Amino acid sequence: MVFGAITSRIPHPKNFGSPRGKGEPLLPVDTIGNLDKGEVSHLNFRVPKAFHKQFSIFAITQEKSQTEVLYEAFDLLKVRHEVG
C-alpha cells in the first residue's frame, strides 16, 4: 500500500519546445492596419437554419464573405428607408 504517490508535473502539449508559452507580444507597429473598419464587435443573434443556409450559399455564389454581404444589405436597407 502506497501512501505518498510520487507525481511529476507534465507540461501541457502546447508548451512543449516553447519556454515562453505564447511568445513575445507584438509591437504596436506590427498591428497597424490589421482591422480596416476600426474596432470590431460580434453580432450575437440566431436565425432559422434555412435562412442561414440561403445566406451562406448567396455569399459563396457572390464570392463574398458573409460579413461583406451583411454590410451591403444593411447599406441598401438604410438607402431604402432614407436613413443617413
Protein backbone atom coordinates (compact mmCIF):
# COMPACT_ATOMS: atom_id res chain seq x y z
CA MET A 1 0.00 0.00 0.00
CA VAL A 2 1.44 3.36 -1.09
CA PHE A 3 0.51 6.41 0.96
CA GLY A 4 2.58 9.06 -0.80
CA ALA A 5 2.46 8.68 -4.56
CA ILE A 6 5.28 10.30 -6.49
CA THR A 7 3.93 12.60 -9.16
CA SER A 8 5.63 14.84 -11.63
CA ARG A 9 4.25 17.82 -13.45
CA ILE A 10 3.87 17.14 -17.15
CA PRO A 11 3.85 20.32 -19.26
CA HIS A 12 0.84 20.96 -21.44
CA PRO A 13 1.47 19.80 -25.04
CA LYS A 14 1.04 23.34 -26.42
CA ASN A 15 4.01 24.49 -24.36
CA PHE A 16 6.48 21.82 -25.49
CA GLY A 17 9.51 23.45 -27.05
CA SER A 18 8.36 26.96 -26.18
CA PRO A 19 9.74 28.16 -22.86
CA ARG A 20 7.89 31.49 -23.15
CA GLY A 21 4.42 29.99 -23.72
CA LYS A 22 2.61 32.15 -26.27
CA GLY A 23 5.67 34.08 -27.35
CA GLU A 24 6.57 37.72 -27.24
CA PRO A 25 3.74 40.25 -27.61
CA LEU A 26 3.52 42.13 -30.89
CA LEU A 27 4.80 45.67 -31.09
CA PRO A 28 2.12 48.32 -31.69
CA VAL A 29 3.66 48.95 -35.13
CA ASP A 30 3.03 45.30 -36.11
CA THR A 31 -0.73 45.63 -35.60
CA ILE A 32 -1.30 48.81 -37.62
CA GLY A 33 -3.81 48.24 -40.42
CA ASN A 34 -4.95 44.76 -39.44
CA LEU A 35 -8.52 45.98 -38.86
CA ASP A 36 -9.82 48.15 -41.72
CA LYS A 37 -13.04 49.20 -40.04
CA GLY A 38 -11.68 50.21 -36.66
CA GLU A 39 -12.76 48.43 -33.53
CA VAL A 40 -14.97 45.41 -34.19
CA SER A 41 -17.74 43.77 -32.21
CA HIS A 42 -19.61 40.48 -32.60
CA LEU A 43 -23.29 40.37 -33.51
CA ASN A 44 -24.98 37.73 -31.46
CA PHE A 45 -28.32 36.57 -32.82
CA ARG A 46 -29.92 33.40 -34.08
CA VAL A 47 -31.61 32.78 -37.41
CA PRO A 48 -33.53 29.77 -38.76
CA LYS A 49 -31.33 27.07 -40.32
CA ALA A 50 -32.99 27.52 -43.72
CA PHE A 51 -32.17 31.25 -43.72
CA HIS A 52 -28.59 30.57 -42.64
CA LYS A 53 -28.17 28.09 -45.50
CA GLN A 54 -29.60 30.55 -48.05
CA PHE A 55 -27.42 33.35 -46.71
CA SER A 56 -24.28 31.21 -46.84
CA ILE A 57 -24.99 29.96 -50.36
CA PHE A 58 -25.68 33.50 -51.55
CA ALA A 59 -22.40 34.77 -50.11
CA ILE A 60 -20.48 31.90 -51.72
CA THR A 61 -22.07 32.42 -55.14
CA GLN A 62 -21.23 36.13 -54.96
CA GLU A 63 -17.64 35.27 -53.90
CA LYS A 64 -18.02 37.44 -50.80
CA SER A 65 -17.78 36.82 -47.08
CA GLN A 66 -20.95 36.71 -45.05
CA THR A 67 -19.79 39.89 -43.34
CA GLU A 68 -19.49 41.70 -46.68
CA VAL A 69 -23.00 40.55 -47.66
CA LEU A 70 -24.36 41.81 -44.34
CA TYR A 71 -22.66 45.22 -44.79
CA GLU A 72 -24.05 45.59 -48.32
CA ALA A 73 -27.55 44.53 -47.27
CA PHE A 74 -27.55 46.99 -44.38
CA ASP A 75 -26.32 49.82 -46.64
CA LEU A 76 -29.13 49.11 -49.12
CA LEU A 77 -31.68 48.96 -46.29
CA LYS A 78 -30.54 52.37 -45.00
CA VAL A 79 -30.90 53.88 -48.50
CA ARG A 80 -34.35 52.30 -48.87
CA HIS A 81 -35.51 53.86 -45.64
CA GLU A 82 -33.57 57.09 -46.24
CA VAL A 83 -31.52 56.86 -43.07
CA GLY A 84 -28.23 58.76 -43.06
